[in-house]
């Protein structure tokens, strides 16, 4: 257990500078976006009112006001979220391949540690998951502050509606996808994400174990896992299965997700223990 914790800490320290940079970029971009978008809306509203000789009530009747979803759908807001997602997906590959880069391949030193190699597998997966949930927690933390700033910049008359964090997450915006408002949806979304991490890691280990042949094996394994997980949707679309209750559909996906995750861990353990040589 101590070896696992040390490996997790080691993996976190290797990415921490980039990770903090992502947090700072998210913070600055979203707060600047709140200020810029709010100011632009007010300035544009005043211009239209002047050009068309409209009162505030007439303008609002014709064009409507603004709420926080008008902020959360801008590039200022979506851009850093997309950057963080891309960075974590990229690092999910690099967390393995960086160990093999350079003249003195660090992977060999890690594989020679006096601990079960599966600890290395789990430590890398744990680091990715901690980074992911850390970004989510950071977004949830700054969201009320951004909302408060937005409501302080927009005059009451132009405010379409006041929204708390729960209402923002339930709105049809990217935030409602990244941070599902309901706990059950959160478990489903990020349960699939955890499964994806383990499938990806096992696919990478296929390549590390068999090199050129492993590339094909890794891609085939990844595709097979995705198709297996989505097979109930294909079956329901082709009407090859009777209509199922939502609870039954959830149970099927839950079982498939557990089986695929378990199989990925088992295969990954075999690959890193028996096939990845030093």
C-alpha atoms as a PDB file:
ATOM      1  CA  UNK A   1       0.000   0.000   0.000  1.00  0.00           C
ATOM      2  CA  UNK A   2       2.848   2.402   0.821  1.00  0.00           C
ATOM      3  CA  UNK A   3       4.396   1.729  -2.576  1.00  0.00           C
ATOM      4  CA  UNK A   4       1.088   2.481  -4.295  1.00  0.00           C
ATOM      5  CA  UNK A   5       0.668   5.777  -2.410  1.00  0.00           C
ATOM      6  CA  UNK A   6       4.245   6.786  -3.223  1.00  0.00           C
ATOM      7  CA  UNK A   7       3.707   5.983  -6.900  1.00  0.00           C
ATOM      8  CA  UNK A   8       0.490   8.032  -6.975  1.00  0.00           C
ATOM      9  CA  UNK A   9       2.290  10.950  -5.320  1.00  0.00           C
ATOM     10  CA  UNK A  10       5.131  10.569  -7.818  1.00  0.00           C
ATOM     11  CA  UNK A  11       2.745  10.660 -10.796  1.00  0.00           C
ATOM     12  CA  UNK A  12       0.936  13.716  -9.410  1.00  0.00           C
ATOM     13  CA  UNK A  13       4.201  15.598  -8.871  1.00  0.00           C
ATOM     14  CA  UNK A  14       5.242  14.946 -12.487  1.00  0.00           C
ATOM     15  CA  UNK A  15       2.163  16.723 -13.848  1.00  0.00           C
ATOM     16  CA  UNK A  16       1.445  19.222 -11.089  1.00  0.00           C
ATOM     17  CA  UNK A  17       2.982  22.287 -12.790  1.00  0.00           C
ATOM     18  CA  UNK A  18       0.949  21.785 -15.965  1.00  0.00           C
ATOM     19  CA  UNK A  19      -2.103  20.971 -13.860  1.00  0.00           C
ATOM     20  CA  UNK A  20      -1.833  24.191 -11.843  1.00  0.00           C
ATOM     21  CA  UNK A  21      -1.391  26.087 -15.121  1.00  0.00           C
ATOM     22  CA  UNK A  22      -4.667  24.586 -16.377  1.00  0.00           C
ATOM     23  CA  UNK A  23      -6.417  25.703 -13.183  1.00  0.00           C
ATOM     24  CA  UNK A  24      -5.037  29.236 -13.522  1.00  0.00           C
ATOM     25  CA  UNK A  25      -6.037  29.427 -17.201  1.00  0.00           C
ATOM     26  CA  UNK A  26      -9.550  28.247 -16.321  1.00  0.00           C
ATOM     27  CA  UNK A  27      -9.844  30.759 -13.503  1.00  0.00           C
ATOM     28  CA  UNK A  28      -8.601  33.753 -15.513  1.00  0.00           C
ATOM     29  CA  UNK A  29     -10.437  32.907 -18.730  1.00  0.00           C
ATOM     30  CA  UNK A  30     -13.810  32.353 -17.088  1.00  0.00           C
ATOM     31  CA  UNK A  31     -13.657  35.431 -14.857  1.00  0.00           C
ATOM     32  CA  UNK A  32     -12.485  37.593 -17.749  1.00  0.00           C
ATOM     33  CA  UNK A  33     -15.281  36.051 -19.825  1.00  0.00           C
ATOM     34  CA  UNK A  34     -17.859  37.048 -17.221  1.00  0.00           C
ATOM     35  CA  UNK A  35     -16.611  40.646 -17.230  1.00  0.00           C
ATOM     36  CA  UNK A  36     -16.220  40.952 -21.012  1.00  0.00           C
ATOM     37  CA  UNK A  37     -19.511  39.259 -21.915  1.00  0.00           C
ATOM     38  CA  UNK A  38     -21.500  41.196 -19.308  1.00  0.00           C
ATOM     39  CA  UNK A  39     -20.011  44.523 -20.415  1.00  0.00           C
ATOM     40  CA  UNK A  40     -20.585  43.699 -24.078  1.00  0.00           C
ATOM     41  CA  UNK A  41     -24.223  42.830 -23.428  1.00  0.00           C
ATOM     42  CA  UNK A  42     -24.902  46.058 -21.517  1.00  0.00           C
ATOM     43  CA  UNK A  43     -23.075  48.222 -24.076  1.00  0.00           C
ATOM     44  CA  UNK A  44     -24.881  46.544 -26.975  1.00  0.00           C
ATOM     45  CA  UNK A  45     -28.246  46.929 -25.238  1.00  0.00           C
ATOM     46  CA  UNK A  46     -27.661  50.647 -24.709  1.00  0.00           C
ATOM     47  CA  UNK A  47     -26.594  51.060 -28.342  1.00  0.00           C
ATOM     48  CA  UNK A  48     -29.735  49.343 -29.608  1.00  0.00           C
ATOM     49  CA  UNK A  49     -31.938  51.343 -27.252  1.00  0.00           C
ATOM     50  CA  UNK A  50     -30.354  54.571 -28.507  1.00  0.00           C
ATOM     51  CA  UNK A  51     -30.478  53.606 -32.197  1.00  0.00           C
ATOM     52  CA  UNK A  52     -34.078  52.368 -32.078  1.00  0.00           C
ATOM     53  CA  UNK A  53     -35.269  54.843 -29.438  1.00  0.00           C
ATOM     54  CA  UNK A  54     -36.400  52.065 -27.120  1.00  0.00           C
ATOM     55  CA  UNK A  55     -37.058  52.159 -23.415  1.00  0.00           C
ATOM     56  CA  UNK A  56     -35.633  49.448 -21.183  1.00  0.00           C
ATOM     57  CA  UNK A  57     -38.981  47.670 -21.011  1.00  0.00           C
ATOM     58  CA  UNK A  58     -39.416  47.854 -24.788  1.00  0.00           C
ATOM     59  CA  UNK A  59     -35.909  46.513 -25.353  1.00  0.00           C
ATOM     60  CA  UNK A  60     -36.442  43.654 -22.929  1.00  0.00           C
ATOM     61  CA  UNK A  61     -39.797  42.804 -24.522  1.00  0.00           C
ATOM     62  CA  UNK A  62     -38.173  42.696 -27.965  1.00  0.00           C
ATOM     63  CA  UNK A  63     -34.757  41.173 -27.229  1.00  0.00           C
ATOM     64  CA  UNK A  64     -34.999  39.735 -23.743  1.00  0.00           C
ATOM     65  CA  UNK A  65     -32.484  39.839 -20.918  1.00  0.00           C
ATOM     66  CA  UNK A  66     -29.519  37.647 -20.061  1.00  0.00           C
ATOM     67  CA  UNK A  67     -28.822  34.984 -17.454  1.00  0.00           C
ATOM     68  CA  UNK A  68     -25.699  33.018 -16.555  1.00  0.00           C
ATOM     69  CA  UNK A  69     -26.248  30.510 -19.375  1.00  0.00           C
ATOM     70  CA  UNK A  70     -25.376  33.373 -21.722  1.00  0.00           C
ATOM     71  CA  UNK A  71     -21.962  33.403 -20.060  1.00  0.00           C
ATOM     72  CA  UNK A  72     -21.391  29.661 -19.746  1.00  0.00           C
ATOM     73  CA  UNK A  73     -21.961  29.120 -23.476  1.00  0.00           C
ATOM     74  CA  UNK A  74     -19.188  31.509 -24.579  1.00  0.00           C
ATOM     75  CA  UNK A  75     -15.706  30.528 -25.735  1.00  0.00           C
ATOM     76  CA  UNK A  76     -14.279  32.265 -22.662  1.00  0.00           C
ATOM     77  CA  UNK A  77     -16.031  29.644 -20.565  1.00  0.00           C
ATOM     78  CA  UNK A  78     -16.019  26.576 -22.812  1.00  0.00           C
ATOM     79  CA  UNK A  79     -12.466  27.067 -24.122  1.00  0.00           C
ATOM     80  CA  UNK A  80     -10.546  26.324 -20.894  1.00  0.00           C
ATOM     81  CA  UNK A  81     -12.858  23.377 -20.118  1.00  0.00           C
ATOM     82  CA  UNK A  82     -12.118  21.900 -23.547  1.00  0.00           C
ATOM     83  CA  UNK A  83      -8.401  22.588 -23.031  1.00  0.00           C
ATOM     84  CA  UNK A  84      -8.444  20.694 -19.715  1.00  0.00           C
ATOM     85  CA  UNK A  85     -10.271  17.734 -21.279  1.00  0.00           C
ATOM     86  CA  UNK A  86      -7.833  17.544 -24.192  1.00  0.00           C
ATOM     87  CA  UNK A  87      -4.858  17.896 -21.836  1.00  0.00           C
ATOM     88  CA  UNK A  88      -6.050  15.030 -19.618  1.00  0.00           C
ATOM     89  CA  UNK A  89      -6.782  12.769 -22.588  1.00  0.00           C
ATOM     90  CA  UNK A  90      -3.330  13.536 -24.004  1.00  0.00           C
ATOM     91  CA  UNK A  91      -1.699  12.931 -20.635  1.00  0.00           C
ATOM     92  CA  UNK A  92      -3.518   9.599 -20.339  1.00  0.00           C
ATOM     93  CA  UNK A  93      -1.217   8.515 -23.177  1.00  0.00           C
ATOM     94  CA  UNK A  94       1.841  10.426 -22.048  1.00  0.00           C
ATOM     95  CA  UNK A  95       1.670   9.102 -18.482  1.00  0.00           C
ATOM     96  CA  UNK A  96       2.856   5.818 -19.978  1.00  0.00           C
ATOM     97  CA  UNK A  97       4.936   6.850 -22.978  1.00  0.00           C
ATOM     98  CA  UNK A  98       7.011   9.514 -21.241  1.00  0.00           C
ATOM     99  CA  UNK A  99       8.579   6.695 -19.190  1.00  0.00           C
ATOM    100  CA  UNK A 100      10.008   5.180 -22.383  1.00  0.00           C
ATOM    101  CA  UNK A 101      11.289   8.454 -23.853  1.00  0.00           C
ATOM    102  CA  UNK A 102      14.906   9.535 -23.662  1.00  0.00           C
ATOM    103  CA  UNK A 103      18.202   7.674 -23.610  1.00  0.00           C
ATOM    104  CA  UNK A 104      17.826   6.373 -20.060  1.00  0.00           C
ATOM    105  CA  UNK A 105      14.304   4.964 -20.208  1.00  0.00           C
ATOM    106  CA  UNK A 106      12.761   5.579 -16.817  1.00  0.00           C
ATOM    107  CA  UNK A 107      10.173   2.830 -17.371  1.00  0.00           C
ATOM    108  CA  UNK A 108      12.768   0.167 -16.670  1.00  0.00           C
ATOM    109  CA  UNK A 109      13.531   1.662 -13.260  1.00  0.00           C
ATOM    110  CA  UNK A 110       9.827   1.749 -12.406  1.00  0.00           C
ATOM    111  CA  UNK A 111       9.309  -1.833 -13.522  1.00  0.00           C
ATOM    112  CA  UNK A 112      12.268  -2.973 -11.424  1.00  0.00           C
ATOM    113  CA  UNK A 113      10.804  -1.569  -8.196  1.00  0.00           C
ATOM    114  CA  UNK A 114      10.314  -4.220  -5.483  1.00  0.00           C
ATOM    115  CA  UNK A 115       6.518  -4.047  -5.656  1.00  0.00           C
ATOM    116  CA  UNK A 116       3.737  -5.635  -7.686  1.00  0.00           C
ATOM    117  CA  UNK A 117       3.658  -4.087 -11.134  1.00  0.00           C
ATOM    118  CA  UNK A 118      -0.105  -3.722 -10.941  1.00  0.00           C
ATOM    119  CA  UNK A 119       0.581  -0.946  -8.408  1.00  0.00           C
ATOM    120  CA  UNK A 120       2.172   1.032 -11.226  1.00  0.00           C
ATOM    121  CA  UNK A 121      -0.941   0.456 -13.364  1.00  0.00           C
ATOM    122  CA  UNK A 122      -3.311   1.567 -10.602  1.00  0.00           C
ATOM    123  CA  UNK A 123      -1.161   4.541  -9.595  1.00  0.00           C
ATOM    124  CA  UNK A 124      -1.287   5.991 -13.102  1.00  0.00           C
ATOM    125  CA  UNK A 125      -5.052   5.444 -13.317  1.00  0.00           C
ATOM    126  CA  UNK A 126      -5.519   6.983  -9.854  1.00  0.00           C
ATOM    127  CA  UNK A 127      -3.494  10.049 -10.854  1.00  0.00           C
ATOM    128  CA  UNK A 128      -5.656  10.623 -13.951  1.00  0.00           C
ATOM    129  CA  UNK A 129      -8.853  10.242 -11.910  1.00  0.00           C
ATOM    130  CA  UNK A 130      -7.602  12.567  -9.168  1.00  0.00           C
ATOM    131  CA  UNK A 131      -6.714  15.195 -11.768  1.00  0.00           C
ATOM    132  CA  UNK A 132     -10.166  14.848 -13.338  1.00  0.00           C
ATOM    133  CA  UNK A 133     -12.122  15.115 -10.095  1.00  0.00           C
ATOM    134  CA  UNK A 134      -9.838  17.915  -8.955  1.00  0.00           C
ATOM    135  CA  UNK A 135     -10.773  19.962 -12.018  1.00  0.00           C
ATOM    136  CA  UNK A 136     -14.457  19.266 -11.393  1.00  0.00           C
ATOM    137  CA  UNK A 137     -14.158  20.334  -7.763  1.00  0.00           C
ATOM    138  CA  UNK A 138     -12.322  23.504  -8.809  1.00  0.00           C
ATOM    139  CA  UNK A 139     -15.052  24.347 -11.336  1.00  0.00           C
ATOM    140  CA  UNK A 140     -17.781  23.805  -8.747  1.00  0.00           C
ATOM    141  CA  UNK A 141     -15.829  25.988  -6.291  1.00  0.00           C
ATOM    142  CA  UNK A 142     -15.433  28.981  -8.604  1.00  0.00           C
ATOM    143  CA  UNK A 143     -18.873  28.753 -10.224  1.00  0.00           C
ATOM    144  CA  UNK A 144     -20.755  30.561  -7.400  1.00  0.00           C
ATOM    145  CA  UNK A 145     -18.116  33.302  -7.427  1.00  0.00           C
ATOM    146  CA  UNK A 146     -18.492  33.759 -11.184  1.00  0.00           C
ATOM    147  CA  UNK A 147     -22.258  33.827 -10.850  1.00  0.00           C
ATOM    148  CA  UNK A 148     -22.070  36.434  -8.079  1.00  0.00           C
ATOM    149  CA  UNK A 149     -19.760  38.594 -10.204  1.00  0.00           C
ATOM    150  CA  UNK A 150     -22.110  38.272 -13.177  1.00  0.00           C
ATOM    151  CA  UNK A 151     -25.159  39.325 -11.143  1.00  0.00           C
ATOM    152  CA  UNK A 152     -23.247  42.296  -9.742  1.00  0.00           C
ATOM    153  CA  UNK A 153     -22.348  43.511 -13.250  1.00  0.00           C
ATOM    154  CA  UNK A 154     -25.790  43.128 -14.844  1.00  0.00           C
ATOM    155  CA  UNK A 155     -28.491  45.626 -13.774  1.00  0.00           C
ATOM    156  CA  UNK A 156     -31.513  43.974 -12.188  1.00  0.00           C
ATOM    157  CA  UNK A 157     -33.787  45.015 -15.066  1.00  0.00           C
ATOM    158  CA  UNK A 158     -31.624  43.235 -17.649  1.00  0.00           C
ATOM    159  CA  UNK A 159     -31.265  40.087 -15.584  1.00  0.00           C
ATOM    160  CA  UNK A 160     -33.519  37.437 -17.104  1.00  0.00           C
ATOM    161  CA  UNK A 161     -33.458  35.338 -13.951  1.00  0.00           C
ATOM    162  CA  UNK A 162     -31.278  34.688 -10.940  1.00  0.00           C
ATOM    163  CA  UNK A 163     -29.732  31.243 -10.964  1.00  0.00           C
ATOM    164  CA  UNK A 164     -27.998  29.281  -8.257  1.00  0.00           C
ATOM    165  CA  UNK A 165     -25.391  26.596  -8.992  1.00  0.00           C
ATOM    166  CA  UNK A 166     -28.025  23.853  -9.165  1.00  0.00           C
ATOM    167  CA  UNK A 167     -30.079  25.773 -11.732  1.00  0.00           C
ATOM    168  CA  UNK A 168     -26.967  26.508 -13.808  1.00  0.00           C
ATOM    169  CA  UNK A 169     -26.016  22.828 -13.900  1.00  0.00           C
ATOM    170  CA  UNK A 170     -29.572  21.833 -14.835  1.00  0.00           C
ATOM    171  CA  UNK A 171     -29.614  24.274 -17.738  1.00  0.00           C
ATOM    172  CA  UNK A 172     -28.862  23.079 -21.229  1.00  0.00           C
ATOM    173  CA  UNK A 173     -25.225  24.125 -21.227  1.00  0.00           C
ATOM    174  CA  UNK A 174     -21.878  22.379 -21.375  1.00  0.00           C
ATOM    175  CA  UNK A 175     -21.634  22.627 -17.585  1.00  0.00           C
ATOM    176  CA  UNK A 176     -24.626  20.330 -17.251  1.00  0.00           C
ATOM    177  CA  UNK A 177     -22.709  17.747 -19.285  1.00  0.00           C
ATOM    178  CA  UNK A 178     -19.358  18.155 -17.534  1.00  0.00           C
ATOM    179  CA  UNK A 179     -20.957  18.274 -14.072  1.00  0.00           C
ATOM    180  CA  UNK A 180     -24.253  16.327 -14.165  1.00  0.00           C
ATOM    181  CA  UNK A 181     -26.715  17.916 -11.722  1.00  0.00           C
ATOM    182  CA  UNK A 182     -28.040  14.608 -10.406  1.00  0.00           C
ATOM    183  CA  UNK A 183     -25.890  12.164  -8.454  1.00  0.00           C
ATOM    184  CA  UNK A 184     -27.110   9.162 -10.449  1.00  0.00           C
ATOM    185  CA  UNK A 185     -26.168  10.882 -13.721  1.00  0.00           C
ATOM    186  CA  UNK A 186     -22.800  11.796 -12.229  1.00  0.00           C
ATOM    187  CA  UNK A 187     -22.118   8.160 -11.304  1.00  0.00           C
ATOM    188  CA  UNK A 188     -23.104   6.979 -14.784  1.00  0.00           C
ATOM    189  CA  UNK A 189     -21.046   9.584 -16.655  1.00  0.00           C
ATOM    190  CA  UNK A 190     -17.885   9.223 -14.606  1.00  0.00           C
ATOM    191  CA  UNK A 191     -18.308   5.483 -14.205  1.00  0.00           C
ATOM    192  CA  UNK A 192     -18.068   5.316 -17.997  1.00  0.00           C
ATOM    193  CA  UNK A 193     -15.075   7.652 -17.797  1.00  0.00           C
ATOM    194  CA  UNK A 194     -13.301   5.364 -15.319  1.00  0.00           C
ATOM    195  CA  UNK A 195     -13.988   2.389 -17.584  1.00  0.00           C
ATOM    196  CA  UNK A 196     -12.552   4.359 -20.515  1.00  0.00           C
ATOM    197  CA  UNK A 197      -9.325   5.034 -18.579  1.00  0.00           C
ATOM    198  CA  UNK A 198      -8.748   1.345 -17.835  1.00  0.00           C
ATOM    199  CA  UNK A 199      -9.599   0.280 -21.401  1.00  0.00           C
ATOM    200  CA  UNK A 200      -7.203   2.908 -22.763  1.00  0.00           C
ATOM    201  CA  UNK A 201      -4.416   1.872 -20.385  1.00  0.00           C
ATOM    202  CA  UNK A 202      -4.782  -1.792 -21.356  1.00  0.00           C
ATOM    203  CA  UNK A 203      -4.740  -0.842 -25.042  1.00  0.00           C
ATOM    204  CA  UNK A 204      -1.495   1.070 -24.453  1.00  0.00           C
ATOM    205  CA  UNK A 205       0.007  -1.943 -22.664  1.00  0.00           C
ATOM    206  CA  UNK A 206      -0.820  -4.105 -25.681  1.00  0.00           C
ATOM    207  CA  UNK A 207       1.326  -1.766 -27.769  1.00  0.00           C
ATOM    208  CA  UNK A 208       4.107  -1.690 -25.156  1.00  0.00           C
ATOM    209  CA  UNK A 209       4.061  -5.497 -24.979  1.00  0.00           C
ATOM    210  CA  UNK A 210       3.920  -6.407 -28.670  1.00  0.00           C
ATOM    211  CA  UNK A 211       5.070  -3.143 -30.347  1.00  0.00           C
ATOM    212  CA  UNK A 212       3.902  -3.045 -34.003  1.00  0.00           C
ATOM    213  CA  UNK A 213       1.603  -6.026 -33.605  1.00  0.00           C
ATOM    214  CA  UNK A 214       0.480  -4.518 -30.309  1.00  0.00           C
ATOM    215  CA  UNK A 215      -0.762  -1.361 -32.036  1.00  0.00           C
ATOM    216  CA  UNK A 216      -3.274  -3.456 -33.941  1.00  0.00           C
ATOM    217  CA  UNK A 217      -4.156  -5.486 -30.847  1.00  0.00           C
ATOM    218  CA  UNK A 218      -4.604  -2.341 -28.763  1.00  0.00           C
ATOM    219  CA  UNK A 219      -6.864  -0.675 -31.330  1.00  0.00           C
ATOM    220  CA  UNK A 220      -8.908  -3.861 -31.753  1.00  0.00           C
ATOM    221  CA  UNK A 221      -9.260  -4.246 -27.988  1.00  0.00           C
ATOM    222  CA  UNK A 222     -10.385  -0.645 -27.606  1.00  0.00           C
ATOM    223  CA  UNK A 223     -12.942  -0.958 -30.424  1.00  0.00           C
ATOM    224  CA  UNK A 224     -14.197  -4.298 -29.086  1.00  0.00           C
ATOM    225  CA  UNK A 225     -14.682  -2.846 -25.595  1.00  0.00           C
ATOM    226  CA  UNK A 226     -16.598   0.158 -26.948  1.00  0.00           C
ATOM    227  CA  UNK A 227     -18.792  -1.984 -29.196  1.00  0.00           C
ATOM    228  CA  UNK A 228     -19.528  -4.406 -26.364  1.00  0.00           C
ATOM    229  CA  UNK A 229     -20.542  -1.580 -24.071  1.00  0.00           C
ATOM    230  CA  UNK A 230     -22.772  -0.020 -26.750  1.00  0.00           C
ATOM    231  CA  UNK A 231     -24.246  -3.343 -27.897  1.00  0.00           C
ATOM    232  CA  UNK A 232     -27.511  -2.869 -25.914  1.00  0.00           C
ATOM    233  CA  UNK A 233     -28.129   0.374 -27.829  1.00  0.00           C
ATOM    234  CA  UNK A 234     -27.584  -1.404 -31.139  1.00  0.00           C
ATOM    235  CA  UNK A 235     -29.896  -4.209 -30.055  1.00  0.00           C
ATOM    236  CA  UNK A 236     -32.646  -1.769 -29.015  1.00  0.00           C
ATOM    237  CA  UNK A 237     -32.242   0.256 -32.214  1.00  0.00           C
ATOM    238  CA  UNK A 238     -32.687  -2.895 -34.327  1.00  0.00           C
ATOM    239  CA  UNK A 239     -35.607  -4.007 -32.119  1.00  0.00           C
ATOM    240  CA  UNK A 240     -33.928  -7.362 -31.506  1.00  0.00           C
ATOM    241  CA  UNK A 241     -34.764  -7.141 -27.795  1.00  0.00           C
ATOM    242  CA  UNK A 242     -38.105  -6.379 -26.150  1.00  0.00           C
ATOM    243  CA  UNK A 243     -38.771  -2.975 -24.636  1.00  0.00           C
ATOM    244  CA  UNK A 244     -36.977  -2.599 -21.327  1.00  0.00           C
ATOM    245  CA  UNK A 245     -37.617  -0.421 -18.314  1.00  0.00           C
ATOM    246  CA  UNK A 246     -35.028   2.302 -17.590  1.00  0.00           C
ATOM    247  CA  UNK A 247     -33.934   0.383 -14.487  1.00  0.00           C
ATOM    248  CA  UNK A 248     -33.284  -2.724 -16.594  1.00  0.00           C
ATOM    249  CA  UNK A 249     -31.302  -0.743 -19.169  1.00  0.00           C
ATOM    250  CA  UNK A 250     -29.245   0.825 -16.374  1.00  0.00           C
ATOM    251  CA  UNK A 251     -28.582  -2.619 -14.870  1.00  0.00           C
ATOM    252  CA  UNK A 252     -27.379  -3.969 -18.232  1.00  0.00           C
ATOM    253  CA  UNK A 253     -24.956  -1.089 -18.746  1.00  0.00           C
ATOM    254  CA  UNK A 254     -23.780  -1.378 -15.135  1.00  0.00           C
ATOM    255  CA  UNK A 255     -22.980  -5.070 -15.541  1.00  0.00           C
ATOM    256  CA  UNK A 256     -21.250  -4.489 -18.884  1.00  0.00           C
ATOM    257  CA  UNK A 257     -19.237  -1.602 -17.437  1.00  0.00           C
ATOM    258  CA  UNK A 258     -18.092  -3.699 -14.483  1.00  0.00           C
ATOM    259  CA  UNK A 259     -17.202  -6.654 -16.736  1.00  0.00           C
ATOM    260  CA  UNK A 260     -15.253  -4.493 -19.201  1.00  0.00           C
ATOM    261  CA  UNK A 261     -13.426  -2.665 -16.410  1.00  0.00           C
ATOM    262  CA  UNK A 262     -12.610  -5.921 -14.628  1.00  0.00           C
ATOM    263  CA  UNK A 263     -11.416  -7.537 -17.852  1.00  0.00           C
ATOM    264  CA  UNK A 264      -9.265  -4.508 -18.659  1.00  0.00           C
ATOM    265  CA  UNK A 265      -7.627  -4.592 -15.236  1.00  0.00           C
ATOM    266  CA  UNK A 266      -7.049  -8.360 -15.436  1.00  0.00           C
ATOM    267  CA  UNK A 267      -5.557  -8.183 -18.944  1.00  0.00           C
ATOM    268  CA  UNK A 268      -3.536  -5.108 -18.021  1.00  0.00           C
ATOM    269  CA  UNK A 269      -2.161  -6.904 -14.968  1.00  0.00           C
ATOM    270  CA  UNK A 270      -1.120  -9.877 -17.106  1.00  0.00           C
ATOM    271  CA  UNK A 271       0.492  -7.643 -19.721  1.00  0.00           C
ATOM    272  CA  UNK A 272       2.477  -5.469 -17.314  1.00  0.00           C
ATOM    273  CA  UNK A 273       3.512  -8.497 -15.211  1.00  0.00           C
ATOM    274  CA  UNK A 274       4.335 -11.021 -17.938  1.00  0.00           C
ATOM    275  CA  UNK A 275       4.728  -9.280 -21.292  1.00  0.00           C
ATOM    276  CA  UNK A 276       6.263  -5.839 -20.627  1.00  0.00           C
ATOM    277  CA  UNK A 277       9.905  -6.793 -20.193  1.00  0.00           C
ATOM    278  CA  UNK A 278      12.831  -4.831 -18.754  1.00  0.00           C
END
